PDB file of N, CA and C in Angstrom:
ATOM      1  N   MET A   1      28.952 -40.823  -7.945  1.00  0.00           N
ATOM      2  CA  MET A   1      29.007 -39.764  -6.928  1.00  0.00           C
ATOM      3  C   MET A   1      28.410 -38.445  -7.540  1.00  0.00           C
ATOM      4  N   ARG A   2      28.390 -38.460  -8.818  1.00  0.00           N
ATOM      5  CA  ARG A   2      27.823 -37.296  -9.630  1.00  0.00           C
ATOM      6  C   ARG A   2      26.226 -37.460  -9.568  1.00  0.00           C
ATOM      7  N   ALA A   3      25.822 -38.853  -9.446  1.00  0.00           N
ATOM      8  CA  ALA A   3      24.319 -38.947  -9.454  1.00  0.00           C
ATOM      9  C   ALA A   3      23.810 -38.749  -8.061  1.00  0.00           C
ATOM     10  N   TRP A   4      24.666 -39.103  -7.064  1.00  0.00           N
ATOM     11  CA  TRP A   4      24.254 -38.796  -5.711  1.00  0.00           C
ATOM     12  C   TRP A   4      24.237 -37.237  -5.475  1.00  0.00           C
ATOM     13  N   ILE A   5      25.202 -36.419  -6.026  1.00  0.00           N
ATOM     14  CA  ILE A   5      24.897 -34.808  -5.997  1.00  0.00           C
ATOM     15  C   ILE A   5      23.949 -34.321  -6.793  1.00  0.00           C
ATOM     16  N   ARG A   6      23.631 -34.804  -8.017  1.00  0.00           N
ATOM     17  CA  ARG A   6      22.308 -34.410  -8.494  1.00  0.00           C
ATOM     18  C   ARG A   6      21.153 -34.686  -7.887  1.00  0.00           C
ATOM     19  N   ARG A   7      20.905 -35.957  -7.167  1.00  0.00           N
ATOM     20  CA  ARG A   7      19.766 -36.182  -6.466  1.00  0.00           C
ATOM     21  C   ARG A   7      19.778 -35.590  -5.254  1.00  0.00           C
ATOM     22  N   SER A   8      20.690 -35.110  -4.651  1.00  0.00           N
ATOM     23  CA  SER A   8      20.909 -34.293  -3.417  1.00  0.00           C
ATOM     24  C   SER A   8      20.304 -32.844  -3.939  1.00  0.00           C
ATOM     25  N   GLY A   9      20.680 -32.401  -4.903  1.00  0.00           N
ATOM     26  CA  GLY A   9      20.260 -31.049  -5.390  1.00  0.00           C
ATOM     27  C   GLY A   9      18.684 -31.007  -5.494  1.00  0.00           C
ATOM     28  N   MET A  10      18.454 -32.083  -6.180  1.00  0.00           N
ATOM     29  CA  MET A  10      16.760 -32.060  -6.582  1.00  0.00           C
ATOM     30  C   MET A  10      16.258 -32.165  -5.221  1.00  0.00           C
ATOM     31  N   VAL A  11      16.307 -33.074  -4.130  1.00  0.00           N
ATOM     32  CA  VAL A  11      15.990 -33.300  -2.976  1.00  0.00           C
ATOM     33  C   VAL A  11      15.901 -31.686  -2.072  1.00  0.00           C
ATOM     34  N   LEU A  12      16.965 -31.004  -2.198  1.00  0.00           N
ATOM     35  CA  LEU A  12      16.971 -29.794  -1.564  1.00  0.00           C
ATOM     36  C   LEU A  12      16.211 -28.864  -2.323  1.00  0.00           C
ATOM     37  N   GLY A  13      16.224 -28.779  -3.520  1.00  0.00           N
ATOM     38  CA  GLY A  13      15.488 -28.029  -4.404  1.00  0.00           C
ATOM     39  C   GLY A  13      13.824 -28.073  -4.059  1.00  0.00           C
ATOM     40  N   ALA A  14      13.506 -29.519  -3.881  1.00  0.00           N
ATOM     41  CA  ALA A  14      11.964 -29.892  -3.512  1.00  0.00           C
ATOM     42  C   ALA A  14      11.823 -29.466  -2.142  1.00  0.00           C
ATOM     43  N   LEU A  15      12.766 -29.544  -1.286  1.00  0.00           N
ATOM     44  CA  LEU A  15      12.441 -28.983  -0.005  1.00  0.00           C
ATOM     45  C   LEU A  15      12.196 -27.579  -0.004  1.00  0.00           C
ATOM     46  N   ALA A  16      13.151 -26.740  -0.560  1.00  0.00           N
ATOM     47  CA  ALA A  16      12.959 -25.488  -0.667  1.00  0.00           C
ATOM     48  C   ALA A  16      11.654 -24.921  -1.150  1.00  0.00           C
ATOM     49  N   VAL A  17      11.067 -25.570  -2.350  1.00  0.00           N
ATOM     50  CA  VAL A  17       9.744 -25.434  -2.771  1.00  0.00           C
ATOM     51  C   VAL A  17       8.630 -25.539  -1.866  1.00  0.00           C
ATOM     52  N   ALA A  18       8.787 -26.838  -1.047  1.00  0.00           N
ATOM     53  CA  ALA A  18       7.689 -27.209  -0.041  1.00  0.00           C
ATOM     54  C   ALA A  18       7.665 -26.222   0.927  1.00  0.00           C
ATOM     55  N   GLY A  19       8.977 -25.733   1.410  1.00  0.00           N
ATOM     56  CA  GLY A  19       8.925 -24.717   2.497  1.00  0.00           C
ATOM     57  C   GLY A  19       8.404 -23.429   1.978  1.00  0.00           C
ATOM     58  N   ALA A  20       8.764 -22.968   0.848  1.00  0.00           N
ATOM     59  CA  ALA A  20       8.008 -21.563   0.247  1.00  0.00           C
ATOM     60  C   ALA A  20       6.643 -21.806   0.278  1.00  0.00           C
ATOM     61  N   LEU A  21       6.091 -22.995  -0.330  1.00  0.00           N
ATOM     62  CA  LEU A  21       4.570 -23.079  -0.204  1.00  0.00           C
ATOM     63  C   LEU A  21       3.978 -23.019   1.160  1.00  0.00           C
ATOM     64  N   VAL A  22       4.639 -23.829   2.049  1.00  0.00           N
ATOM     65  CA  VAL A  22       4.021 -23.719   3.609  1.00  0.00           C
ATOM     66  C   VAL A  22       4.059 -22.508   4.089  1.00  0.00           C
ATOM     67  N   GLY A  23       5.108 -21.455   3.884  1.00  0.00           N
ATOM     68  CA  GLY A  23       5.149 -20.084   4.248  1.00  0.00           C
ATOM     69  C   GLY A  23       4.100 -19.394   3.544  1.00  0.00           C
ATOM     70  N   VAL A  24       3.943 -19.339   2.405  1.00  0.00           N
ATOM     71  CA  VAL A  24       2.888 -18.696   1.734  1.00  0.00           C
ATOM     72  C   VAL A  24       1.476 -18.966   2.391  1.00  0.00           C
ATOM     73  N   ALA A  25       0.958 -20.322   2.457  1.00  0.00           N
ATOM     74  CA  ALA A  25      -0.148 -20.846   3.101  1.00  0.00           C
ATOM     75  C   ALA A  25      -0.373 -20.430   4.510  1.00  0.00           C
ATOM     76  N   CYS A  26       0.829 -20.072   5.233  1.00  0.00           N
ATOM     77  CA  CYS A  26       0.616 -19.921   6.732  1.00  0.00           C
ATOM     78  C   CYS A  26       0.892 -18.307   6.868  1.00  0.00           C
ATOM     79  N   GLY A  27       0.780 -17.559   5.855  1.00  0.00           N
ATOM     80  CA  GLY A  27       1.242 -16.296   5.726  1.00  0.00           C
ATOM     81  C   GLY A  27       0.351 -15.252   6.556  1.00  0.00           C
ATOM     82  N   GLY A  28      -0.929 -15.767   6.884  1.00  0.00           N
ATOM     83  CA  GLY A  28      -1.741 -14.709   7.535  1.00  0.00           C
ATOM     84  C   GLY A  28      -3.022 -15.430   7.990  1.00  0.00           C
ATOM     85  N   ASP A  29      -3.855 -15.051   8.820  1.00  0.00           N
ATOM     86  CA  ASP A  29      -5.151 -15.613   9.227  1.00  0.00           C
ATOM     87  C   ASP A  29      -6.236 -14.922   8.317  1.00  0.00           C
ATOM     88  N   GLU A  30      -7.296 -15.344   8.434  1.00  0.00           N
ATOM     89  CA  GLU A  30      -8.455 -14.980   7.608  1.00  0.00           C
ATOM     90  C   GLU A  30      -8.893 -13.892   8.350  1.00  0.00           C
ATOM     91  N   GLU A  31      -8.657 -13.412   9.713  1.00  0.00           N
ATOM     92  CA  GLU A  31      -9.263 -12.262  10.314  1.00  0.00           C
ATOM     93  C   GLU A  31      -8.613 -11.049  10.044  1.00  0.00           C
ATOM     94  N   SER A  32      -7.392 -11.219   9.347  1.00  0.00           N
ATOM     95  CA  SER A  32      -6.746 -10.143   8.987  1.00  0.00           C
ATOM     96  C   SER A  32      -7.523  -8.732   8.247  1.00  0.00           C
ATOM     97  N   ALA A  33      -7.438  -7.496   8.473  1.00  0.00           N
ATOM     98  CA  ALA A  33      -8.128  -6.627   7.616  1.00  0.00           C
ATOM     99  C   ALA A  33      -7.662  -6.718   6.205  1.00  0.00           C
ATOM    100  N   PRO A  34      -8.333  -6.467   5.133  1.00  0.00           N
ATOM    101  CA  PRO A  34      -8.052  -6.454   3.880  1.00  0.00           C
ATOM    102  C   PRO A  34      -6.914  -5.118   3.603  1.00  0.00           C
ATOM    103  N   ALA A  35      -6.223  -5.067   2.519  1.00  0.00           N
ATOM    104  CA  ALA A  35      -5.346  -3.845   2.350  1.00  0.00           C
ATOM    105  C   ALA A  35      -6.015  -2.585   1.978  1.00  0.00           C
ATOM    106  N   THR A  36      -7.270  -2.856   1.660  1.00  0.00           N
ATOM    107  CA  THR A  36      -8.129  -1.633   1.317  1.00  0.00           C
ATOM    108  C   THR A  36      -8.672  -1.075   2.550  1.00  0.00           C
ATOM    109  N   ALA A  37      -8.625  -1.639   3.716  1.00  0.00           N
ATOM    110  CA  ALA A  37      -9.180  -1.173   4.913  1.00  0.00           C
ATOM    111  C   ALA A  37      -8.130  -0.727   5.843  1.00  0.00           C
ATOM    112  N   THR A  38      -7.341   0.433   5.628  1.00  0.00           N
ATOM    113  CA  THR A  38      -6.265   0.812   6.329  1.00  0.00           C
ATOM    114  C   THR A  38      -6.823   1.840   7.224  1.00  0.00           C
ATOM    115  N   THR A  39      -7.232   1.515   8.419  1.00  0.00           N
ATOM    116  CA  THR A  39      -7.593   2.457   9.372  1.00  0.00           C
ATOM    117  C   THR A  39      -6.887   2.365  10.580  1.00  0.00           C
ATOM    118  N   PRO A  40      -6.042   3.201  11.090  1.00  0.00           N
ATOM    119  CA  PRO A  40      -5.509   3.245  12.472  1.00  0.00           C
ATOM    120  C   PRO A  40      -6.365   3.315  13.575  1.00  0.00           C
ATOM    121  N   ALA A  41      -6.077   3.127  14.780  1.00  0.00           N
ATOM    122  CA  ALA A  41      -6.785   3.132  15.970  1.00  0.00           C
ATOM    123  C   ALA A  41      -7.761   4.330  16.157  1.00  0.00           C
ATOM    124  N   ASP A  42      -7.089   5.414  15.758  1.00  0.00           N
ATOM    125  CA  ASP A  42      -7.931   6.664  15.782  1.00  0.00           C
ATOM    126  C   ASP A  42      -9.137   6.630  14.863  1.00  0.00           C
ATOM    127  N   GLY A  43      -9.381   5.880  13.887  1.00  0.00           N
ATOM    128  CA  GLY A  43     -10.423   5.781  13.083  1.00  0.00           C
ATOM    129  C   GLY A  43     -10.377   6.424  11.770  1.00  0.00           C
ATOM    130  N   VAL A  44      -9.137   7.267  11.549  1.00  0.00           N
ATOM    131  CA  VAL A  44      -9.019   8.009  10.312  1.00  0.00           C
ATOM    132  C   VAL A  44      -8.400   7.022   9.193  1.00  0.00           C
ATOM    133  N   PRO A  45      -9.130   7.029   8.111  1.00  0.00           N
ATOM    134  CA  PRO A  45      -8.494   6.001   6.853  1.00  0.00           C
ATOM    135  C   PRO A  45      -7.387   6.537   6.597  1.00  0.00           C
ATOM    136  N   THR A  46      -6.227   5.722   6.290  1.00  0.00           N
ATOM    137  CA  THR A  46      -4.941   6.403   5.985  1.00  0.00           C
ATOM    138  C   THR A  46      -4.407   5.643   4.889  1.00  0.00           C
ATOM    139  N   ILE A  47      -3.823   6.546   3.842  1.00  0.00           N
ATOM    140  CA  ILE A  47      -2.938   5.842   2.530  1.00  0.00           C
ATOM    141  C   ILE A  47      -1.672   6.249   2.943  1.00  0.00           C
ATOM    142  N   ASP A  48      -0.803   5.113   2.888  1.00  0.00           N
ATOM    143  CA  ASP A  48       0.598   5.389   3.074  1.00  0.00           C
ATOM    144  C   ASP A  48       1.296   5.552   1.720  1.00  0.00           C
ATOM    145  N   GLN A  49       2.540   6.016   1.714  1.00  0.00           N
ATOM    146  CA  GLN A  49       3.398   6.357   0.585  1.00  0.00           C
ATOM    147  C   GLN A  49       4.710   5.462   1.058  1.00  0.00           C
ATOM    148  N   ASP A  50       4.917   4.410   0.363  1.00  0.00           N
ATOM    149  CA  ASP A  50       6.136   3.676   0.836  1.00  0.00           C
ATOM    150  C   ASP A  50       6.366   2.624  -0.568  1.00  0.00           C
ATOM    151  N   ASN A  51       7.639   2.562  -0.715  1.00  0.00           N
ATOM    152  CA  ASN A  51       8.116   1.559  -1.812  1.00  0.00           C
ATOM    153  C   ASN A  51       7.575   2.120  -3.221  1.00  0.00           C
ATOM    154  N   LEU A  52       7.619   3.527  -3.222  1.00  0.00           N
ATOM    155  CA  LEU A  52       7.319   4.271  -4.293  1.00  0.00           C
ATOM    156  C   LEU A  52       5.675   3.801  -4.711  1.00  0.00           C
ATOM    157  N   ALA A  53       4.873   3.681  -3.833  1.00  0.00           N
ATOM    158  CA  ALA A  53       3.540   3.355  -3.965  1.00  0.00           C
ATOM    159  C   ALA A  53       2.741   3.695  -3.097  1.00  0.00           C
ATOM    160  N   PHE A  54       1.251   3.912  -3.334  1.00  0.00           N
ATOM    161  CA  PHE A  54       0.406   4.093  -2.539  1.00  0.00           C
ATOM    162  C   PHE A  54      -0.138   2.843  -2.031  1.00  0.00           C
ATOM    163  N   SER A  55      -0.655   2.771  -0.508  1.00  0.00           N
ATOM    164  CA  SER A  55      -1.210   1.689  -0.148  1.00  0.00           C
ATOM    165  C   SER A  55      -2.131   2.003   0.903  1.00  0.00           C
ATOM    166  N   PRO A  56      -3.127   1.531   0.583  1.00  0.00           N
ATOM    167  CA  PRO A  56      -3.942   0.980  -0.249  1.00  0.00           C
ATOM    168  C   PRO A  56      -4.117   1.918  -1.454  1.00  0.00           C
ATOM    169  N   THR A  57      -4.346   1.302  -2.573  1.00  0.00           N
ATOM    170  CA  THR A  57      -4.643   2.042  -4.030  1.00  0.00           C
ATOM    171  C   THR A  57      -6.063   2.282  -4.375  1.00  0.00           C
ATOM    172  N   GLU A  58      -6.935   1.873  -3.347  1.00  0.00           N
ATOM    173  CA  GLU A  58      -8.385   1.975  -3.403  1.00  0.00           C
ATOM    174  C   GLU A  58      -8.820   2.247  -2.127  1.00  0.00           C
ATOM    175  N   LEU A  59      -9.721   3.434  -1.851  1.00  0.00           N
ATOM    176  CA  LEU A  59     -10.200   3.641  -0.599  1.00  0.00           C
ATOM    177  C   LEU A  59     -11.662   4.342  -0.722  1.00  0.00           C
ATOM    178  N   THR A  60     -12.507   3.774   0.200  1.00  0.00           N
ATOM    179  CA  THR A  60     -13.788   4.262   0.098  1.00  0.00           C
ATOM    180  C   THR A  60     -14.230   5.122   1.300  1.00  0.00           C
ATOM    181  N   VAL A  61     -14.589   6.194   1.316  1.00  0.00           N
ATOM    182  CA  VAL A  61     -15.065   6.965   2.629  1.00  0.00           C
ATOM    183  C   VAL A  61     -16.331   7.772   2.183  1.00  0.00           C
ATOM    184  N   ALA A  62     -16.937   8.350   3.379  1.00  0.00           N
ATOM    185  CA  ALA A  62     -18.022   9.128   3.415  1.00  0.00           C
ATOM    186  C   ALA A  62     -17.757  10.653   3.128  1.00  0.00           C
ATOM    187  N   VAL A  63     -18.796  11.308   2.542  1.00  0.00           N
ATOM    188  CA  VAL A  63     -18.625  12.835   2.491  1.00  0.00           C
ATOM    189  C   VAL A  63     -18.599  13.172   3.921  1.00  0.00           C
ATOM    190  N   GLY A  64     -17.535  14.206   3.973  1.00  0.00           N
ATOM    191  CA  GLY A  64     -17.308  14.943   5.277  1.00  0.00           C
ATOM    192  C   GLY A  64     -16.223  14.060   5.923  1.00  0.00           C
ATOM    193  N   GLN A  65     -15.681  12.897   5.754  1.00  0.00           N
ATOM    194  CA  GLN A  65     -14.665  12.187   6.318  1.00  0.00           C
ATOM    195  C   GLN A  65     -13.242  12.528   5.896  1.00  0.00           C
ATOM    196  N   THR A  66     -12.455  12.519   6.745  1.00  0.00           N
ATOM    197  CA  THR A  66     -10.886  12.808   6.712  1.00  0.00           C
ATOM    198  C   THR A  66     -10.350  11.729   6.395  1.00  0.00           C
ATOM    199  N   VAL A  67      -9.224  11.909   5.417  1.00  0.00           N
ATOM    200  CA  VAL A  67      -8.358  10.959   4.852  1.00  0.00           C
ATOM    201  C   VAL A  67      -6.846  11.277   5.210  1.00  0.00           C
ATOM    202  N   ARG A  68      -6.230  10.596   5.784  1.00  0.00           N
ATOM    203  CA  ARG A  68      -4.778  10.893   6.339  1.00  0.00           C
ATOM    204  C   ARG A  68      -3.768  10.043   5.068  1.00  0.00           C
ATOM    205  N   PHE A  69      -2.682  10.908   4.716  1.00  0.00           N
ATOM    206  CA  PHE A  69      -1.824  10.495   4.005  1.00  0.00           C
ATOM    207  C   PHE A  69      -0.459  10.398   4.828  1.00  0.00           C
ATOM    208  N   THR A  70       0.326   9.537   4.597  1.00  0.00           N
ATOM    209  CA  THR A  70       1.549   9.500   5.481  1.00  0.00           C
ATOM    210  C   THR A  70       2.825   8.963   4.581  1.00  0.00           C
ATOM    211  N   ASN A  71       3.935   9.705   4.772  1.00  0.00           N
ATOM    212  CA  ASN A  71       5.043   9.137   3.843  1.00  0.00           C
ATOM    213  C   ASN A  71       6.053   8.510   4.884  1.00  0.00           C
ATOM    214  N   SER A  72       6.205   7.105   4.612  1.00  0.00           N
ATOM    215  CA  SER A  72       6.914   6.275   5.282  1.00  0.00           C
ATOM    216  C   SER A  72       8.271   5.793   4.888  1.00  0.00           C
ATOM    217  N   GLU A  73       8.697   6.505   3.734  1.00  0.00           N
ATOM    218  CA  GLU A  73       9.959   6.557   3.100  1.00  0.00           C
ATOM    219  C   GLU A  73      10.962   7.592   2.953  1.00  0.00           C
ATOM    220  N   ALA A  74      12.007   7.326   2.599  1.00  0.00           N
ATOM    221  CA  ALA A  74      12.846   8.799   2.391  1.00  0.00           C
ATOM    222  C   ALA A  74      12.708   9.539   1.138  1.00  0.00           C
ATOM    223  N   ALA A  75      11.974   8.728   0.065  1.00  0.00           N
ATOM    224  CA  ALA A  75      11.692   9.614  -1.059  1.00  0.00           C
ATOM    225  C   ALA A  75      10.635  10.774  -0.805  1.00  0.00           C
ATOM    226  N   LEU A  76      10.945  11.766  -1.597  1.00  0.00           N
ATOM    227  CA  LEU A  76       9.948  12.910  -1.574  1.00  0.00           C
ATOM    228  C   LEU A  76       8.581  12.555  -2.476  1.00  0.00           C
ATOM    229  N   HIS A  77       7.605  12.903  -2.005  1.00  0.00           N
ATOM    230  CA  HIS A  77       6.192  12.626  -2.485  1.00  0.00           C
ATOM    231  C   HIS A  77       5.221  13.697  -2.537  1.00  0.00           C
ATOM    232  N   THR A  78       4.282  13.945  -3.061  1.00  0.00           N
ATOM    233  CA  THR A  78       3.162  14.837  -2.989  1.00  0.00           C
ATOM    234  C   THR A  78       1.902  14.184  -3.110  1.00  0.00           C
ATOM    235  N   ILE A  79       0.717  14.642  -2.450  1.00  0.00           N
ATOM    236  CA  ILE A  79      -0.733  14.436  -2.650  1.00  0.00           C
ATOM    237  C   ILE A  79      -1.209  15.335  -3.624  1.00  0.00           C
ATOM    238  N   THR A  80      -1.505  14.681  -4.884  1.00  0.00           N
ATOM    239  CA  THR A  80      -1.969  15.504  -6.058  1.00  0.00           C
ATOM    240  C   THR A  80      -3.262  14.653  -6.378  1.00  0.00           C
ATOM    241  N   ILE A  81      -4.468  15.545  -6.035  1.00  0.00           N
ATOM    242  CA  ILE A  81      -5.758  14.880  -6.191  1.00  0.00           C
ATOM    243  C   ILE A  81      -6.303  15.672  -7.361  1.00  0.00           C
ATOM    244  N   ASP A  82      -6.693  14.868  -8.322  1.00  0.00           N
ATOM    245  CA  ASP A  82      -7.268  15.396  -9.566  1.00  0.00           C
ATOM    246  C   ASP A  82      -6.443  16.432 -10.358  1.00  0.00           C
ATOM    247  N   GLY A  83      -5.048  16.366 -10.445  1.00  0.00           N
ATOM    248  CA  GLY A  83      -4.191  17.255 -10.839  1.00  0.00           C
ATOM    249  C   GLY A  83      -3.861  18.382 -10.053  1.00  0.00           C
ATOM    250  N   GLU A  84      -4.062  18.434  -8.754  1.00  0.00           N
ATOM    251  CA  GLU A  84      -3.859  19.811  -7.858  1.00  0.00           C
ATOM    252  C   GLU A  84      -2.890  19.177  -6.811  1.00  0.00           C
ATOM    253  N   ASN A  85      -1.780  19.704  -6.757  1.00  0.00           N
ATOM    254  CA  ASN A  85      -0.825  19.310  -5.758  1.00  0.00           C
ATOM    255  C   ASN A  85      -1.488  19.922  -4.218  1.00  0.00           C
ATOM    256  N   LEU A  86      -1.894  19.271  -3.432  1.00  0.00           N
ATOM    257  CA  LEU A  86      -2.602  19.733  -2.155  1.00  0.00           C
ATOM    258  C   LEU A  86      -1.639  19.538  -0.998  1.00  0.00           C
ATOM    259  N   SER A  87      -0.646  18.920  -1.022  1.00  0.00           N
ATOM    260  CA  SER A  87       0.255  18.652   0.020  1.00  0.00           C
ATOM    261  C   SER A  87       1.306  19.532   0.103  1.00  0.00           C
ATOM    262  N   GLY A  88       1.923  19.805  -0.973  1.00  0.00           N
ATOM    263  CA  GLY A  88       3.244  20.492  -1.261  1.00  0.00           C
ATOM    264  C   GLY A  88       4.342  19.091  -1.026  1.00  0.00           C
ATOM    265  N   ASN A  89       5.445  19.341  -0.685  1.00  0.00           N
ATOM    266  CA  ASN A  89       6.391  18.411  -0.714  1.00  0.00           C
ATOM    267  C   ASN A  89       6.268  17.666   0.659  1.00  0.00           C
ATOM    268  N   MET A  90       6.341  16.211   0.469  1.00  0.00           N
ATOM    269  CA  MET A  90       6.108  15.505   1.724  1.00  0.00           C
ATOM    270  C   MET A  90       7.493  14.419   1.889  1.00  0.00           C
ATOM    271  N   ARG A  91       8.092  14.906   2.913  1.00  0.00           N
ATOM    272  CA  ARG A  91       9.270  14.304   3.371  1.00  0.00           C
ATOM    273  C   ARG A  91       8.854  12.995   4.238  1.00  0.00           C
ATOM    274  N   GLU A  92       9.941  12.016   4.624  1.00  0.00           N
ATOM    275  CA  GLU A  92       9.619  10.826   5.375  1.00  0.00           C
ATOM    276  C   GLU A  92       9.165  11.366   6.908  1.00  0.00           C
ATOM    277  N   GLY A  93       8.296  10.572   7.077  1.00  0.00           N
ATOM    278  CA  GLY A  93       7.439  10.907   8.456  1.00  0.00           C
ATOM    279  C   GLY A  93       6.254  12.239   8.352  1.00  0.00           C
ATOM    280  N   ASP A  94       6.230  12.705   7.185  1.00  0.00           N
ATOM    281  CA  ASP A  94       5.331  13.953   7.247  1.00  0.00           C
ATOM    282  C   ASP A  94       3.873  13.170   6.952  1.00  0.00           C
ATOM    283  N   VAL A  95       2.849  14.003   7.502  1.00  0.00           N
ATOM    284  CA  VAL A  95       1.349  13.500   7.178  1.00  0.00           C
ATOM    285  C   VAL A  95       0.651  14.736   6.749  1.00  0.00           C
ATOM    286  N   PHE A  96      -0.468  14.424   5.990  1.00  0.00           N
ATOM    287  CA  PHE A  96      -1.200  15.109   5.162  1.00  0.00           C
ATOM    288  C   PHE A  96      -2.593  14.782   5.365  1.00  0.00           C
ATOM    289  N   GLU A  97      -3.572  15.764   5.771  1.00  0.00           N
ATOM    290  CA  GLU A  97      -5.011  15.219   5.902  1.00  0.00           C
ATOM    291  C   GLU A  97      -5.929  16.090   4.832  1.00  0.00           C
ATOM    292  N   TRP A  98      -6.803  15.329   4.163  1.00  0.00           N
ATOM    293  CA  TRP A  98      -7.663  15.872   3.280  1.00  0.00           C
ATOM    294  C   TRP A  98      -9.061  15.418   3.564  1.00  0.00           C
ATOM    295  N   THR A  99      -9.941  16.327   3.626  1.00  0.00           N
ATOM    296  CA  THR A  99     -11.478  15.960   3.865  1.00  0.00           C
ATOM    297  C   THR A  99     -12.357  15.938   2.467  1.00  0.00           C
ATOM    298  N   ALA A 100     -12.807  14.902   2.493  1.00  0.00           N
ATOM    299  CA  ALA A 100     -13.869  14.804   1.159  1.00  0.00           C
ATOM    300  C   ALA A 100     -14.922  15.335   1.281  1.00  0.00           C
ATOM    301  N   GLU A 101     -15.105  16.499   0.575  1.00  0.00           N
ATOM    302  CA  GLU A 101     -16.209  17.684   0.654  1.00  0.00           C
ATOM    303  C   GLU A 101     -17.325  17.059  -0.012  1.00  0.00           C
ATOM    304  N   GLU A 102     -17.200  16.498  -1.195  1.00  0.00           N
ATOM    305  CA  GLU A 102     -18.114  16.029  -2.359  1.00  0.00           C
ATOM    306  C   GLU A 102     -18.130  14.657  -2.742  1.00  0.00           C
ATOM    307  N   ALA A 103     -19.389  14.004  -2.950  1.00  0.00           N
ATOM    308  CA  ALA A 103     -19.448  12.598  -3.584  1.00  0.00           C
ATOM    309  C   ALA A 103     -18.694  12.519  -4.905  1.00  0.00           C
ATOM    310  N   GLY A 104     -18.064  11.399  -5.055  1.00  0.00           N
ATOM    311  CA  GLY A 104     -17.326  11.301  -6.247  1.00  0.00           C
ATOM    312  C   GLY A 104     -16.076  10.470  -6.227  1.00  0.00           C
ATOM    313  N   THR A 105     -15.343  10.259  -7.312  1.00  0.00           N
ATOM    314  CA  THR A 105     -14.254   9.443  -7.283  1.00  0.00           C
ATOM    315  C   THR A 105     -13.171  10.462  -7.736  1.00  0.00           C
ATOM    316  N   TYR A 106     -12.114  10.388  -6.916  1.00  0.00           N
ATOM    317  CA  TYR A 106     -10.915  11.251  -6.884  1.00  0.00           C
ATOM    318  C   TYR A 106      -9.629  10.415  -7.273  1.00  0.00           C
ATOM    319  N   ARG A 107      -8.919  10.969  -8.067  1.00  0.00           N
ATOM    320  CA  ARG A 107      -7.588  10.210  -8.450  1.00  0.00           C
ATOM    321  C   ARG A 107      -6.343  10.969  -7.783  1.00  0.00           C
ATOM    322  N   VAL A 108      -5.564  10.177  -7.160  1.00  0.00           N
ATOM    323  CA  VAL A 108      -4.653  10.477  -6.404  1.00  0.00           C
ATOM    324  C   VAL A 108      -3.152  10.202  -7.007  1.00  0.00           C
ATOM    325  N   THR A 109      -2.396  10.936  -7.249  1.00  0.00           N
ATOM    326  CA  THR A 109      -1.139  10.695  -8.006  1.00  0.00           C
ATOM    327  C   THR A 109      -0.073  11.493  -6.937  1.00  0.00           C
ATOM    328  N   CYS A 110       1.362  11.072  -7.434  1.00  0.00           N
ATOM    329  CA  CYS A 110       2.517  11.994  -6.711  1.00  0.00           C
ATOM    330  C   CYS A 110       3.187  12.471  -8.194  1.00  0.00           C
ATOM    331  N   ASP A 111       3.270  13.891  -7.880  1.00  0.00           N
ATOM    332  CA  ASP A 111       4.005  14.799  -8.806  1.00  0.00           C
ATOM    333  C   ASP A 111       5.477  14.165  -9.442  1.00  0.00           C
ATOM    334  N   TYR A 112       6.153  13.420  -8.391  1.00  0.00           N
ATOM    335  CA  TYR A 112       7.396  12.974  -8.711  1.00  0.00           C
ATOM    336  C   TYR A 112       7.577  11.524  -9.185  1.00  0.00           C
ATOM    337  N   HIS A 113       6.372  10.612  -8.809  1.00  0.00           N
ATOM    338  CA  HIS A 113       6.637   9.274  -9.434  1.00  0.00           C
ATOM    339  C   HIS A 113       5.038   9.083 -10.070  1.00  0.00           C
ATOM    340  N   PRO A 114       5.114   9.111 -11.219  1.00  0.00           N
ATOM    341  CA  PRO A 114       3.748   8.876 -11.945  1.00  0.00           C
ATOM    342  C   PRO A 114       3.282   7.553 -11.727  1.00  0.00           C
ATOM    343  N   GLN A 115       3.881   6.637 -11.407  1.00  0.00           N
ATOM    344  CA  GLN A 115       3.538   5.337 -11.202  1.00  0.00           C
ATOM    345  C   GLN A 115       2.624   5.122  -9.802  1.00  0.00           C
ATOM    346  N   MET A 116       2.680   6.206  -9.089  1.00  0.00           N
ATOM    347  CA  MET A 116       2.022   6.171  -7.742  1.00  0.00           C
ATOM    348  C   MET A 116       0.692   6.632  -8.106  1.00  0.00           C
ATOM    349  N   GLN A 117      -0.506   5.704  -7.984  1.00  0.00           N
ATOM    350  CA  GLN A 117      -1.615   5.924  -8.156  1.00  0.00           C
ATOM    351  C   GLN A 117      -2.738   5.412  -7.252  1.00  0.00           C
ATOM    352  N   ALA A 118      -3.639   6.032  -6.907  1.00  0.00           N
ATOM    353  CA  ALA A 118      -4.705   5.736  -5.844  1.00  0.00           C
ATOM    354  C   ALA A 118      -5.965   6.251  -6.359  1.00  0.00           C
ATOM    355  N   THR A 119      -7.028   5.659  -5.928  1.00  0.00           N
ATOM    356  CA  THR A 119      -8.484   6.075  -6.104  1.00  0.00           C
ATOM    357  C   THR A 119      -9.257   6.328  -4.788  1.00  0.00           C
ATOM    358  N   ILE A 120      -9.756   7.429  -4.607  1.00  0.00           N
ATOM    359  CA  ILE A 120     -10.763   7.594  -3.309  1.00  0.00           C
ATOM    360  C   ILE A 120     -12.153   7.789  -3.971  1.00  0.00           C
ATOM    361  N   THR A 121     -12.809   6.938  -3.491  1.00  0.00           N
ATOM    362  CA  THR A 121     -14.427   6.876  -3.944  1.00  0.00           C
ATOM    363  C   THR A 121     -15.192   7.530  -2.563  1.00  0.00           C
ATOM    364  N   VAL A 122     -15.690   8.682  -2.772  1.00  0.00           N
ATOM    365  CA  VAL A 122     -16.529   9.536  -1.772  1.00  0.00           C
ATOM    366  C   VAL A 122     -18.076   9.237  -2.057  1.00  0.00           C
ATOM    367  N   GLN A 123     -18.685   8.593  -0.979  1.00  0.00           N
ATOM    368  CA  GLN A 123     -20.123   8.302  -1.142  1.00  0.00           C
ATOM    369  C   GLN A 123     -21.071   9.080   0.061  1.00  0.00           C
TER     370      GLN A 123
END
């Protein structure tokens, strides 16, 4: 009886692994936009704050283009670009927009959560 239980457990474990692999393989189609191309229908590139992280963490825009930042979680966040808090405190649902005036690479952080980091490249 114990051998049967042991074999049943092995079979169930193998089925669980196979199911997980099928789920990963079928997780999305190749036509989905990559994580770095977060642009809603209105065409404004957007970086979201969720799960104590910026998403995407890298974004490239043109000089003069506006970048939208949204806060999708209850945690309080800031948009601090190159050490300057530009947004003030952002609560859940708040939106902040920043216009890239000059070419360069800009470091984006959150004053409250130092692990939150993103880079905006302006060309």
